[in-house]
Amino acid sequence: MERDAPVIYGLEFQARALSAQSAELDTVRFLVGTQSLKFANNQVHLVELNEETGNLKTQIFQHSVGEIWSIQASPTEPDKFITCYNSLTADGTCQMKGALWKIPNTQDMHEIVPLERLTDIDTTLYGNELKNIIYHPTESKKAVSVVDNNFVLWDLSFKPQPVTVGTLHSKGQPRFTNGKWNPHNNCNQFATLNDNNVRGWDFRDPKESVWAIMSAHSQIIRDLDFNTNRQYCLATCGDDGYMKFWDIRNPTEPILSRMEHSHWVWSIRINRFHDQLVLTSSSDSRVILCSLASISSEPYGHVVSLEEGASMEETCTKEKLEDGVISKYEEHEDSVYAVEWSSADPWTFASLSYDGRLVLNRVPRKYKYQILL
């Protein structure tokens, strides 16, 4: 990608579901799911970037069962993924469903072939409002569904079987809006969002939450992400336009709070390799890349091992990258519902807007070198 120029790919239909192909560590690939109102027209696009030329190679697969609201790539099997989709029932009403899919082995890039449905993940016993199904961070045989006021741990080894169920009991009729695995503590914890609250649950005893951040934002929280390099740190974003960073051991106040967008913030992602880099996307049609070194695991930047007898100051011959906005990306013309870092290249990321525009960008080189050198 010469001179860090963006690479733009246009889909025929509207879209809001995006996932990096997590199990692919050598090639930059993303999965995109469409939201056509004609349910039979929906598709999954596999988009691959040639990092040397900046060209894209794409394959399109039929997802004719309904419009895709979320897509999750398997952490260990490149050809498998989960979708949550809206479908029509026999009586003509809409219902959210989940399924596990396999990408067929085809060499014809121009032919649109059907996906192979491996199995349904039937969450209807636990509610009607399925929001997401999230793979375990490192195991493809485990996933959690977020539906109504329940989160359900599934064993996907054969026919999906529920293993653990957690329920939010509260006044009114609380509904979860999203959730995410905590990658620490042997992945025994799961975090949920409802309204403007964040709760952490332990699968070993899910009767009560083990920690909670109440009224974390003044309006609905849309997304959260854990810092894989700092055990207790997570980030949230929401309709108040803020991104906030928390230490779950002290949930009364955020350790950092910033407002960079002018409208709802739909997605937030912390870079897994250089956790000072944080991406957000918003209904203001922007993607913003920030450096937040002060709360990262590398407050002095990327440090090579110290030479014998050298001090930290002597080893770090450059100034650290200060907190603030690194770059604003304005290639989108509609709400940007999703942003994801590549699992193969720590400097490449993708963003997806509702009008079906997928944009691949890179961290500007001068900041990359400032972090590395």
Protein backbone atom coordinates (compact mmCIF):
# COMPACT_ATOMS: atom_id res chain seq x y z
CA MET A 1 0.00 0.00 0.00
CA GLU A 2 2.12 2.80 -1.35
CA ARG A 3 2.24 5.99 0.72
CA ASP A 4 -0.35 4.60 3.10
CA ALA A 5 -3.09 5.26 0.54
CA PRO A 6 -6.52 3.85 1.45
CA VAL A 7 -7.90 0.90 -0.50
CA ILE A 8 -11.66 1.08 -1.05
CA TYR A 9 -13.99 -1.80 -1.87
CA GLY A 10 -17.67 -1.25 -2.63
CA LEU A 11 -20.38 -3.79 -1.87
CA GLU A 12 -23.64 -3.96 -3.78
CA PHE A 13 -25.75 -3.96 -0.60
CA GLN A 14 -25.78 -2.16 2.72
CA ALA A 15 -23.60 -3.66 5.43
CA ARG A 16 -22.61 -3.34 9.07
CA ALA A 17 -20.97 -6.71 9.93
CA LEU A 18 -17.17 -6.94 9.77
CA SER A 19 -14.60 -9.39 11.13
CA ALA A 20 -10.89 -9.91 10.63
CA GLN A 21 -10.13 -13.47 9.61
CA SER A 22 -8.54 -14.19 13.00
CA ALA A 23 -7.02 -17.59 12.17
CA GLU A 24 -5.15 -16.20 9.15
CA LEU A 25 -1.83 -14.83 10.46
CA ASP A 26 0.05 -14.44 7.17
CA THR A 27 -2.42 -12.64 4.91
CA VAL A 28 -4.61 -9.59 5.56
CA ARG A 29 -8.19 -10.82 5.17
CA PHE A 30 -11.57 -9.59 6.33
CA LEU A 31 -15.10 -10.99 6.23
CA VAL A 32 -18.02 -8.65 5.47
CA GLY A 33 -21.73 -9.50 5.79
CA THR A 34 -24.48 -7.61 3.95
CA GLN A 35 -27.92 -6.34 5.02
CA SER A 36 -30.14 -6.47 1.95
CA LEU A 37 -33.86 -6.20 2.74
CA LYS A 38 -34.38 -8.91 0.13
CA PHE A 39 -33.16 -11.65 2.46
CA ALA A 40 -32.21 -14.08 -0.31
CA ASN A 41 -29.75 -11.55 -1.80
CA ASN A 42 -27.45 -11.36 1.21
CA GLN A 43 -23.79 -12.20 0.86
CA VAL A 44 -20.54 -12.73 2.72
CA HIS A 45 -17.48 -11.15 1.09
CA LEU A 46 -13.98 -12.46 1.75
CA VAL A 47 -11.59 -9.59 1.05
CA GLU A 48 -7.84 -10.18 0.84
CA LEU A 49 -5.23 -7.42 0.56
CA ASN A 50 -1.95 -7.79 -1.30
CA GLU A 51 0.27 -5.67 0.93
CA GLU A 52 2.91 -5.15 -1.76
CA THR A 53 0.66 -3.96 -4.57
CA GLY A 54 -2.34 -2.68 -2.60
CA ASN A 55 -4.66 -4.75 -4.80
CA LEU A 56 -7.65 -6.64 -3.44
CA LYS A 57 -8.71 -10.20 -4.16
CA THR A 58 -12.33 -10.89 -3.29
CA GLN A 59 -14.69 -13.83 -3.17
CA ILE A 60 -18.45 -13.55 -2.72
CA PHE A 61 -20.64 -16.21 -1.14
CA GLN A 62 -24.43 -16.48 -0.87
CA HIS A 63 -25.96 -16.04 2.59
CA SER A 64 -29.55 -16.35 1.41
CA VAL A 65 -31.13 -16.98 4.84
CA GLY A 66 -31.27 -13.33 5.90
CA GLU A 67 -29.59 -9.98 6.57
CA ILE A 68 -26.39 -10.25 8.63
CA TRP A 69 -26.16 -8.23 11.84
CA SER A 70 -22.89 -9.65 13.10
CA ILE A 71 -20.15 -11.91 11.81
CA GLN A 72 -17.44 -13.62 13.83
CA ALA A 73 -14.47 -15.43 12.30
CA SER A 74 -13.20 -18.59 13.98
CA PRO A 75 -10.00 -18.02 16.01
CA THR A 76 -8.40 -21.25 14.74
CA GLU A 77 -10.11 -22.32 11.49
CA PRO A 78 -9.82 -19.81 8.62
CA ASP A 79 -12.73 -21.28 6.66
CA LYS A 80 -15.32 -21.10 9.45
CA PHE A 81 -17.36 -18.27 10.96
CA ILE A 82 -20.59 -17.48 12.80
CA THR A 83 -23.32 -15.08 11.70
CA CYS A 84 -26.29 -13.61 13.54
CA TYR A 85 -28.96 -12.84 10.97
CA ASN A 86 -32.53 -11.65 10.66
CA SER A 87 -34.85 -14.08 8.90
CA LEU A 88 -38.53 -14.50 8.12
CA THR A 89 -40.55 -17.10 9.99
CA ALA A 90 -43.44 -19.08 8.52
CA ASP A 91 -45.97 -16.54 9.79
CA GLY A 92 -44.11 -13.64 8.15
CA THR A 93 -42.47 -12.16 11.26
CA CYS A 94 -38.76 -11.43 11.63
CA GLN A 95 -36.58 -13.46 13.97
CA MET A 96 -32.90 -13.28 14.82
CA LYS A 97 -30.99 -16.53 14.39
CA GLY A 98 -27.42 -17.78 14.59
CA ALA A 99 -25.51 -20.30 12.49
CA LEU A 100 -22.03 -21.71 11.99
CA TRP A 101 -20.78 -21.62 8.38
CA LYS A 102 -17.95 -22.96 6.27
CA ILE A 103 -16.43 -21.27 3.25
CA PRO A 104 -16.53 -23.70 0.31
CA ASN A 105 -13.31 -24.49 -1.51
CA THR A 106 -13.67 -22.83 -4.88
CA GLN A 107 -11.12 -21.52 -7.37
CA ASP A 108 -13.59 -19.47 -9.43
CA MET A 109 -13.34 -15.89 -8.16
CA HIS A 110 -16.17 -14.73 -10.42
CA GLU A 111 -18.82 -17.23 -9.39
CA ILE A 112 -21.02 -16.52 -6.35
CA VAL A 113 -21.42 -19.85 -4.60
CA PRO A 114 -23.54 -20.73 -1.54
CA LEU A 115 -21.94 -21.02 1.88
CA GLU A 116 -22.01 -24.37 3.61
CA ARG A 117 -24.19 -24.20 6.71
CA LEU A 118 -22.62 -26.52 9.29
CA THR A 119 -25.18 -26.09 12.07
CA ASP A 120 -27.72 -23.72 13.58
CA ILE A 121 -27.10 -22.23 17.01
CA ASP A 122 -30.62 -22.18 18.40
CA THR A 123 -30.90 -19.44 21.04
CA THR A 124 -34.72 -19.15 21.00
CA LEU A 125 -35.03 -20.94 24.36
CA TYR A 126 -33.28 -17.97 25.98
CA GLY A 127 -35.08 -15.10 24.26
CA ASN A 128 -35.93 -13.43 20.96
CA GLU A 129 -33.44 -10.55 20.76
CA LEU A 130 -30.22 -12.25 19.76
CA LYS A 131 -27.51 -9.57 19.64
CA ASN A 132 -24.29 -11.44 19.03
CA ILE A 133 -22.48 -14.77 19.16
CA ILE A 134 -18.83 -14.38 20.10
CA TYR A 135 -16.12 -16.99 19.70
CA HIS A 136 -13.77 -17.84 22.54
CA PRO A 137 -10.51 -15.88 21.93
CA THR A 138 -8.44 -19.01 21.23
CA GLU A 139 -10.84 -22.00 20.96
CA SER A 140 -13.16 -22.58 18.02
CA LYS A 141 -15.34 -25.04 19.95
CA LYS A 142 -16.62 -22.44 22.42
CA ALA A 143 -18.80 -19.39 21.87
CA VAL A 144 -21.13 -17.15 23.87
CA SER A 145 -24.50 -15.89 22.65
CA VAL A 146 -25.98 -12.65 23.97
CA VAL A 147 -29.78 -12.81 23.85
CA ASP A 148 -32.34 -10.77 25.82
CA ASN A 149 -31.08 -10.72 29.44
CA ASN A 150 -29.08 -13.95 29.09
CA PHE A 151 -25.60 -14.91 27.99
CA VAL A 152 -25.08 -18.55 27.08
CA LEU A 153 -21.80 -20.44 26.78
CA TRP A 154 -22.00 -23.05 23.98
CA ASP A 155 -20.02 -26.17 23.22
CA LEU A 156 -19.72 -26.30 19.42
CA SER A 157 -17.87 -29.62 19.23
CA PHE A 158 -20.80 -31.44 17.63
CA LYS A 159 -24.36 -30.18 17.73
CA PRO A 160 -24.23 -26.91 19.71
CA GLN A 161 -25.00 -27.55 23.37
CA PRO A 162 -25.49 -24.93 26.12
CA VAL A 163 -22.94 -25.31 28.92
CA THR A 164 -23.47 -22.29 31.17
CA VAL A 165 -26.23 -19.69 31.32
CA GLY A 166 -26.00 -16.34 33.07
CA THR A 167 -29.00 -14.04 33.59
CA LEU A 168 -29.28 -10.38 34.45
CA HIS A 169 -31.98 -9.87 37.06
CA SER A 170 -32.92 -6.23 37.42
CA LYS A 171 -35.90 -3.91 37.63
CA GLY A 172 -37.85 -3.44 34.46
CA GLN A 173 -36.92 -5.63 31.53
CA PRO A 174 -33.16 -5.32 31.04
CA ARG A 175 -31.71 -6.41 27.72
CA PHE A 176 -28.09 -7.00 26.87
CA THR A 177 -26.88 -5.09 23.82
CA ASN A 178 -23.42 -6.61 23.38
CA GLY A 179 -20.74 -8.66 25.07
CA LYS A 180 -17.09 -9.66 24.87
CA TRP A 181 -14.78 -12.30 26.31
CA ASN A 182 -12.19 -11.17 28.82
CA PRO A 183 -8.94 -12.58 27.36
CA HIS A 184 -7.32 -12.70 30.81
CA ASN A 185 -7.96 -15.03 33.79
CA ASN A 186 -7.88 -18.09 31.51
CA CYS A 187 -10.87 -16.63 29.63
CA ASN A 188 -13.22 -17.46 32.50
CA GLN A 189 -14.87 -14.04 32.41
CA PHE A 190 -17.34 -12.45 30.02
CA ALA A 191 -18.36 -8.79 29.95
CA THR A 192 -21.86 -7.60 28.99
CA LEU A 193 -23.40 -4.26 28.07
CA ASN A 194 -26.92 -3.13 28.89
CA ASP A 195 -27.98 0.48 28.53
CA ASN A 196 -25.04 2.44 29.96
CA ASN A 197 -23.75 -0.29 32.29
CA VAL A 198 -20.91 -2.80 31.99
CA ARG A 199 -20.82 -6.02 33.99
CA GLY A 200 -18.25 -8.78 34.29
CA TRP A 201 -19.35 -12.38 34.86
CA ASP A 202 -17.46 -15.54 35.79
CA PHE A 203 -18.57 -18.68 33.95
CA ARG A 204 -17.69 -20.80 36.98
CA ASP A 205 -20.40 -19.06 39.01
CA PRO A 206 -22.57 -16.85 36.78
CA LYS A 207 -25.34 -16.14 39.28
CA GLU A 208 -24.03 -12.65 40.06
CA SER A 209 -21.65 -10.30 38.25
CA VAL A 210 -18.14 -10.20 39.72
CA TRP A 211 -17.60 -6.55 38.86
CA ALA A 212 -19.70 -3.73 37.42
CA ILE A 213 -19.24 -0.26 35.99
CA MET A 214 -22.58 1.41 36.48
CA SER A 215 -23.53 4.49 34.44
CA ALA A 216 -20.21 4.27 32.61
CA HIS A 217 -21.57 6.64 29.96
CA SER A 218 -24.40 9.15 30.02
CA GLN A 219 -26.10 7.33 27.13
CA ILE A 220 -26.18 3.82 25.64
CA ILE A 221 -22.83 2.01 25.36
CA ARG A 222 -22.38 0.57 21.88
CA ASP A 223 -19.13 -1.37 22.17
CA LEU A 224 -16.28 -2.44 24.43
CA ASP A 225 -12.83 -3.94 24.01
CA PHE A 226 -10.29 -5.40 26.39
CA ASN A 227 -6.60 -4.53 26.30
CA THR A 228 -4.95 -7.92 25.72
CA ASN A 229 -1.66 -6.59 27.14
CA ARG A 230 -2.99 -5.07 30.39
CA GLN A 231 -4.98 -7.38 32.59
CA TYR A 232 -7.60 -5.07 34.08
CA CYS A 233 -7.98 -2.46 31.34
CA LEU A 234 -10.98 -2.17 29.03
CA ALA A 235 -12.38 0.48 26.72
CA THR A 236 -15.98 1.52 26.08
CA CYS A 237 -17.72 3.86 23.64
CA GLY A 238 -21.27 5.04 23.17
CA ASP A 239 -23.93 7.48 22.09
CA ASP A 240 -22.48 10.30 24.20
CA GLY A 241 -19.57 10.48 21.74
CA TYR A 242 -16.97 9.44 24.30
CA MET A 243 -14.43 6.68 24.45
CA LYS A 244 -13.49 5.76 28.00
CA PHE A 245 -10.86 3.52 29.50
CA TRP A 246 -11.37 1.69 32.77
CA ASP A 247 -9.52 -0.31 35.38
CA ILE A 248 -12.12 -2.85 36.50
CA ARG A 249 -10.54 -2.94 39.98
CA ASN A 250 -11.60 0.69 40.45
CA PRO A 251 -14.81 1.14 38.43
CA THR A 252 -15.95 4.44 39.93
CA GLU A 253 -13.96 6.66 37.53
CA PRO A 254 -12.42 6.08 34.11
CA ILE A 255 -8.65 6.26 33.92
CA LEU A 256 -9.03 8.25 30.69
CA SER A 257 -11.95 9.81 28.85
CA ARG A 258 -11.86 11.48 25.43
CA MET A 259 -14.44 12.83 22.99
CA GLU A 260 -13.14 12.90 19.43
CA HIS A 261 -16.36 12.23 17.47
CA SER A 262 -19.38 14.48 16.92
CA HIS A 263 -21.97 11.68 17.00
CA TRP A 264 -22.52 8.15 18.31
CA VAL A 265 -19.42 5.98 18.55
CA TRP A 266 -20.27 2.50 17.32
CA SER A 267 -17.01 0.61 17.56
CA ILE A 268 -13.72 0.72 19.50
CA ARG A 269 -10.68 -1.50 18.99
CA ILE A 270 -7.35 -1.58 20.85
CA ASN A 271 -4.38 -2.81 18.84
CA ARG A 272 -3.32 -6.23 20.16
CA PHE A 273 0.38 -5.67 19.42
CA HIS A 274 0.82 -1.97 20.19
CA ASP A 275 -1.94 -1.16 22.65
CA GLN A 276 -1.35 2.59 22.59
CA LEU A 277 -3.10 2.55 19.18
CA VAL A 278 -6.89 2.79 19.47
CA LEU A 279 -9.44 2.93 16.65
CA THR A 280 -12.99 4.28 16.86
CA SER A 281 -15.75 4.59 14.27
CA SER A 282 -18.87 6.70 14.41
CA SER A 283 -22.13 7.85 12.85
CA ASP A 284 -20.28 11.07 11.98
CA SER A 285 -18.80 9.03 9.05
CA ARG A 286 -15.30 9.19 10.49
CA VAL A 287 -12.73 6.70 11.68
CA ILE A 288 -10.26 8.12 14.20
CA LEU A 289 -6.90 6.65 15.18
CA CYS A 290 -5.53 7.77 18.54
CA SER A 291 -2.30 7.21 20.39
CA LEU A 292 -2.85 6.72 24.12
CA ALA A 293 0.63 5.80 25.30
CA SER A 294 0.00 7.04 28.84
CA ILE A 295 -2.33 4.11 29.58
CA SER A 296 -0.66 1.48 27.41
CA SER A 297 1.66 -1.36 28.37
CA GLU A 298 4.44 0.50 26.52
CA PRO A 299 4.37 4.03 28.00
CA TYR A 300 7.88 4.64 26.63
CA GLY A 301 7.10 3.17 23.23
CA HIS A 302 8.39 -0.13 21.88
CA VAL A 303 11.55 -0.88 23.87
CA VAL A 304 14.20 -3.33 22.75
CA SER A 305 15.95 -5.15 25.62
CA LEU A 306 18.23 -2.90 27.65
CA GLU A 307 21.95 -3.11 27.10
CA GLU A 308 23.89 -4.03 30.21
CA GLY A 309 24.37 -0.99 32.41
CA ALA A 310 22.11 1.26 30.29
CA SER A 311 19.25 3.19 31.84
CA MET A 312 15.71 3.43 30.44
CA GLU A 313 16.36 7.04 29.40
CA GLU A 314 19.55 6.08 27.57
CA THR A 315 17.83 3.23 25.75
CA CYS A 316 14.82 5.32 24.65
CA THR A 317 16.60 7.79 22.39
CA LYS A 318 13.37 9.11 20.90
CA GLU A 319 10.49 11.02 22.37
CA LYS A 320 7.46 8.92 23.18
CA LEU A 321 4.36 9.39 21.05
CA GLU A 322 2.13 11.75 23.01
CA ASP A 323 -1.54 11.12 23.69
CA GLY A 324 -3.85 12.45 21.03
CA VAL A 325 -5.33 11.94 17.58
CA ILE A 326 -2.89 10.49 15.07
CA SER A 327 -5.16 10.55 12.05
CA LYS A 328 -8.77 11.10 10.98
CA TYR A 329 -10.04 9.01 8.07
CA GLU A 330 -12.87 10.50 6.04
CA GLU A 331 -13.29 8.13 3.08
CA HIS A 332 -16.79 7.15 4.27
CA GLU A 333 -20.03 8.98 3.48
CA ASP A 334 -22.35 7.07 5.84
CA SER A 335 -22.34 5.82 9.44
CA VAL A 336 -19.26 3.69 10.11
CA TYR A 337 -20.59 0.78 12.15
CA ALA A 338 -17.46 -1.35 12.43
CA VAL A 339 -13.70 -1.10 12.53
CA GLU A 340 -11.23 -3.97 12.95
CA TRP A 341 -7.47 -4.43 13.14
CA SER A 342 -5.96 -7.06 10.86
CA SER A 343 -4.83 -10.23 12.63
CA ALA A 344 -1.91 -10.61 10.18
CA ASP A 345 -0.47 -7.09 10.13
CA PRO A 346 -0.57 -4.88 13.25
CA TRP A 347 -0.50 -1.70 11.17
CA THR A 348 -3.46 -2.45 8.86
CA PHE A 349 -7.15 -2.01 9.67
CA ALA A 350 -10.53 -2.02 7.94
CA SER A 351 -13.66 0.05 8.44
CA LEU A 352 -17.17 -0.54 7.13
CA SER A 353 -19.95 1.99 6.59
CA TYR A 354 -23.65 1.29 6.13
CA ASP A 355 -23.62 2.17 2.44
CA GLY A 356 -21.46 -0.92 1.82
CA ARG A 357 -18.10 0.81 1.59
CA LEU A 358 -15.15 -1.12 3.03
CA VAL A 359 -11.96 0.90 3.47
CA LEU A 360 -8.55 -0.55 4.31
CA ASN A 361 -6.00 1.80 5.82
CA ARG A 362 -2.61 1.68 7.52
CA VAL A 363 -1.13 3.48 10.48
CA PRO A 364 0.85 6.39 9.01
CA ARG A 365 4.49 5.40 8.56
CA LYS A 366 5.96 8.23 10.58
CA TYR A 367 3.99 7.12 13.64
CA LYS A 368 4.78 3.46 12.99
CA TYR A 369 8.50 4.22 12.99
CA GLN A 370 8.13 6.48 16.00
CA ILE A 371 6.60 3.56 17.91
CA LEU A 372 9.13 0.99 16.70
CA LEU A 373 12.44 2.83 16.56
